[in-house]
Amino acid sequence: MRSRSTVLETAVLGLLSSSPLHGYELRKRLSLLLGPFRAFSYGTLYPALRSLQARGLIATTEPAASGATPSLAGRRGRIVYELTADGKEHLQKLLSSSGPAAWEDENFDVRFALFAQTDADTRLRILEGRRSRLTERLEAVRESAAHTRERLDEYTLELQRHGLEQVEREVHWLDALITQERDRVVRDPRTHQKERG
């Protein structure tokens, strides 16, 4: 459960780094960012927001006091959430990490969605790590398929083939992204240096 809450916190901080948002708008944007199959309920979102606020990473403002525009505040004077200085620093720390957690299934989509805020070296390490992990998975699935083919019915074999094709497609996609990232650094090393410094 901790991994899921970390994913949610990273997504919330990443979204709030662009602009302050009220809970309803934040939930809509989280659904877009995380996809319909990982949508978070208000019962999950608001405890995460309270936790982030208690840790000083986000702050709340009342729309009337903040002078928020009517579209941001809404008709009922919704509470607006915004990133604090500590929240910005914490987000940068999260986005600069590139260890195994960043490329695992649970985290990768959110980290990829926040690549525009991530430096080139970190993006490349995450993509290469994800590719390495999927290549290992691909080999394990192929090996398992070779050993169990005779014992499985046609539907299980079809499901196995489908899983194999999904992983192969993602590996090809990652290969293209890795090449693109490397080319970007070669074309404009100044951008790469600026991101690092």
Protein backbone atom coordinates (compact mmCIF):
# COMPACT_ATOMS: atom_id res chain seq x y z
CA MET A 1 0.00 0.00 0.00
CA ARG A 2 2.93 2.32 0.67
CA SER A 3 3.98 2.11 -3.00
CA ARG A 4 0.48 3.12 -4.13
CA SER A 5 0.44 6.12 -1.77
CA THR A 6 3.91 7.18 -2.98
CA VAL A 7 2.65 7.04 -6.57
CA LEU A 8 -0.35 9.17 -5.63
CA GLU A 9 1.79 11.67 -3.70
CA THR A 10 4.24 12.02 -6.60
CA ALA A 11 1.37 12.53 -9.04
CA VAL A 12 -0.31 15.13 -6.79
CA LEU A 13 2.92 17.08 -6.24
CA GLY A 14 3.70 16.93 -9.96
CA LEU A 15 0.28 18.28 -10.90
CA LEU A 16 0.36 21.01 -8.27
CA SER A 17 3.78 22.14 -9.49
CA SER A 18 2.04 23.49 -12.61
CA SER A 19 -0.70 25.41 -10.80
CA PRO A 20 -2.86 25.41 -7.65
CA LEU A 21 -5.94 23.18 -7.95
CA HIS A 22 -9.04 22.33 -5.95
CA GLY A 23 -9.79 18.70 -5.10
CA TYR A 24 -12.30 18.05 -7.88
CA GLU A 25 -9.98 19.39 -10.60
CA LEU A 26 -7.04 17.55 -9.05
CA ARG A 27 -8.97 14.28 -9.12
CA LYS A 28 -9.90 14.83 -12.80
CA ARG A 29 -6.28 15.49 -13.73
CA LEU A 30 -5.10 12.48 -11.71
CA SER A 31 -7.51 10.30 -13.67
CA LEU A 32 -6.01 11.62 -16.91
CA LEU A 33 -2.46 11.16 -15.63
CA LEU A 34 -2.92 7.71 -14.11
CA GLY A 35 -5.46 6.35 -16.58
CA PRO A 36 -8.99 5.08 -15.98
CA PHE A 37 -7.86 1.75 -14.52
CA ARG A 38 -5.96 3.39 -11.66
CA ALA A 39 -8.42 6.11 -10.80
CA PHE A 40 -8.34 7.18 -7.17
CA SER A 41 -11.47 7.83 -5.16
CA TYR A 42 -12.01 10.87 -2.98
CA GLY A 43 -11.62 8.47 -0.04
CA THR A 44 -8.02 7.88 -1.16
CA LEU A 45 -7.22 11.37 -2.46
CA TYR A 46 -8.23 13.46 0.55
CA PRO A 47 -6.26 11.44 3.14
CA ALA A 48 -3.22 11.78 0.83
CA LEU A 49 -3.80 15.54 0.60
CA ARG A 50 -4.08 15.79 4.41
CA SER A 51 -0.85 13.83 4.77
CA LEU A 52 0.97 16.09 2.30
CA GLN A 53 -0.38 19.14 4.11
CA ALA A 54 0.64 17.80 7.55
CA ARG A 55 4.17 17.27 6.22
CA GLY A 56 4.27 20.86 4.93
CA LEU A 57 4.52 19.86 1.26
CA ILE A 58 1.26 21.50 0.22
CA ALA A 59 -0.85 24.31 1.64
CA THR A 60 -4.53 25.13 1.33
CA THR A 61 -6.15 28.46 0.70
CA GLU A 62 -9.73 29.54 0.87
CA PRO A 63 -10.70 30.94 -2.54
CA ALA A 64 -12.22 34.14 -1.15
CA ALA A 65 -9.08 34.92 0.84
CA SER A 66 -6.70 33.98 -1.97
CA GLY A 67 -8.45 36.02 -4.65
CA ALA A 68 -8.67 32.91 -6.83
CA THR A 69 -10.49 33.24 -10.09
CA PRO A 70 -14.11 32.05 -10.08
CA SER A 71 -13.30 29.12 -12.37
CA LEU A 72 -10.62 27.90 -9.95
CA ALA A 73 -12.66 28.50 -6.82
CA GLY A 74 -15.92 27.12 -8.16
CA ARG A 75 -19.42 27.98 -6.98
CA ARG A 76 -19.09 26.50 -3.50
CA GLY A 77 -15.78 28.08 -2.56
CA ARG A 78 -13.72 24.90 -2.80
CA ILE A 79 -10.41 24.68 -1.00
CA VAL A 80 -7.45 25.22 -3.31
CA TYR A 81 -4.26 23.17 -2.87
CA GLU A 82 -0.86 24.53 -3.79
CA LEU A 83 2.74 23.40 -3.53
CA THR A 84 4.90 24.90 -0.79
CA ALA A 85 8.63 25.61 -1.12
CA ASP A 86 9.28 22.36 0.79
CA GLY A 87 6.89 20.58 -1.57
CA LYS A 88 8.81 21.85 -4.61
CA GLU A 89 12.07 20.69 -3.08
CA HIS A 90 10.58 17.28 -2.20
CA LEU A 91 9.19 16.88 -5.72
CA GLN A 92 12.59 17.66 -7.26
CA LYS A 93 14.15 15.05 -4.99
CA LEU A 94 11.55 12.49 -6.09
CA LEU A 95 12.01 13.36 -9.76
CA SER A 96 15.80 13.13 -9.57
CA SER A 97 15.68 9.59 -8.16
CA SER A 98 16.13 6.87 -10.75
CA GLY A 99 16.39 3.64 -8.77
CA PRO A 100 14.34 0.48 -9.31
CA ALA A 101 11.18 1.97 -7.80
CA ALA A 102 11.07 4.53 -10.64
CA TRP A 103 10.84 1.92 -13.36
CA GLU A 104 8.61 -0.67 -11.69
CA ASP A 105 5.05 -1.14 -13.00
CA GLU A 106 3.36 0.79 -10.19
CA ASN A 107 5.50 3.95 -10.57
CA PHE A 108 6.69 4.08 -14.16
CA ASP A 109 3.59 5.67 -15.72
CA VAL A 110 3.57 8.56 -13.24
CA ARG A 111 7.30 9.12 -13.54
CA PHE A 112 7.03 9.07 -17.34
CA ALA A 113 4.12 11.54 -17.25
CA LEU A 114 6.38 13.91 -15.28
CA PHE A 115 9.39 13.57 -17.62
CA ALA A 116 9.04 17.20 -18.74
CA GLN A 117 10.06 18.15 -15.18
CA THR A 118 12.86 15.55 -15.03
CA ASP A 119 16.47 16.05 -16.15
CA ALA A 120 17.85 14.16 -19.18
CA ASP A 121 20.23 11.89 -17.23
CA THR A 122 17.45 10.73 -14.93
CA ARG A 123 15.01 10.19 -17.80
CA LEU A 124 17.57 8.03 -19.57
CA ARG A 125 18.39 5.98 -16.44
CA ILE A 126 14.68 5.34 -15.83
CA LEU A 127 14.05 4.30 -19.43
CA GLU A 128 17.09 2.02 -19.47
CA GLY A 129 16.11 0.53 -16.10
CA ARG A 130 12.56 -0.09 -17.31
CA ARG A 131 13.88 -1.71 -20.50
CA SER A 132 16.25 -3.93 -18.51
CA ARG A 133 13.44 -5.03 -16.18
CA LEU A 134 11.11 -5.83 -19.08
CA THR A 135 13.85 -7.71 -20.94
CA GLU A 136 14.30 -9.90 -17.84
CA ARG A 137 10.54 -10.42 -17.71
CA LEU A 138 10.44 -11.28 -21.40
CA GLU A 139 13.11 -13.95 -20.98
CA ALA A 140 11.29 -15.44 -17.97
CA VAL A 141 7.98 -15.58 -19.87
CA ARG A 142 9.63 -17.18 -22.91
CA GLU A 143 11.38 -19.76 -20.73
CA SER A 144 8.17 -20.54 -18.86
CA ALA A 145 6.25 -20.86 -22.14
CA ALA A 146 8.80 -23.30 -23.53
CA HIS A 147 8.54 -25.55 -20.44
CA THR A 148 4.76 -25.51 -20.07
CA ARG A 149 3.48 -25.41 -23.68
CA GLU A 150 2.42 -29.07 -23.77
CA ARG A 151 0.49 -28.88 -20.48
CA LEU A 152 -1.59 -25.78 -21.25
CA ASP A 153 -4.94 -25.50 -23.02
CA GLU A 154 -5.37 -23.26 -26.07
CA TYR A 155 -6.84 -20.34 -24.10
CA THR A 156 -4.06 -20.23 -21.55
CA LEU A 157 -1.53 -20.43 -24.39
CA GLU A 158 -3.28 -17.52 -26.11
CA LEU A 159 -3.19 -15.49 -22.91
CA GLN A 160 0.51 -16.26 -22.54
CA ARG A 161 1.14 -15.19 -26.16
CA HIS A 162 -0.78 -11.97 -25.58
CA GLY A 163 1.31 -11.15 -22.50
CA LEU A 164 4.51 -11.85 -24.40
CA GLU A 165 3.46 -9.54 -27.25
CA GLN A 166 2.60 -6.74 -24.80
CA VAL A 167 6.04 -6.87 -23.21
CA GLU A 168 7.75 -7.05 -26.62
CA ARG A 169 5.83 -3.95 -27.79
CA GLU A 170 6.83 -2.02 -24.67
CA VAL A 171 10.50 -3.00 -25.12
CA HIS A 172 10.39 -1.72 -28.74
CA TRP A 173 8.73 1.50 -27.55
CA LEU A 174 11.40 1.96 -24.87
CA ASP A 175 14.17 1.34 -27.42
CA ALA A 176 12.80 4.20 -29.53
CA LEU A 177 12.51 6.51 -26.50
CA ILE A 178 16.06 5.71 -25.35
CA THR A 179 17.41 6.47 -28.83
CA GLN A 180 15.42 9.72 -28.89
CA GLU A 181 16.79 10.79 -25.47
CA ARG A 182 20.38 10.00 -26.50
CA ASP A 183 19.94 11.88 -29.79
CA ARG A 184 18.53 14.89 -27.94
CA VAL A 185 21.69 15.09 -25.81
CA VAL A 186 23.95 14.73 -28.87
CA ARG A 187 22.02 17.41 -30.82
CA ASP A 188 22.04 19.95 -28.00
CA PRO A 189 24.53 19.22 -25.22
CA ARG A 190 23.91 22.72 -23.77
CA THR A 191 20.35 21.72 -22.85
CA HIS A 192 21.75 18.60 -21.23
CA GLN A 193 24.29 20.65 -19.25
CA LYS A 194 21.61 23.18 -18.24
CA GLU A 195 19.36 20.38 -16.92
CA ARG A 196 22.26 18.95 -14.91
CA GLY A 197 23.33 22.29 -13.46
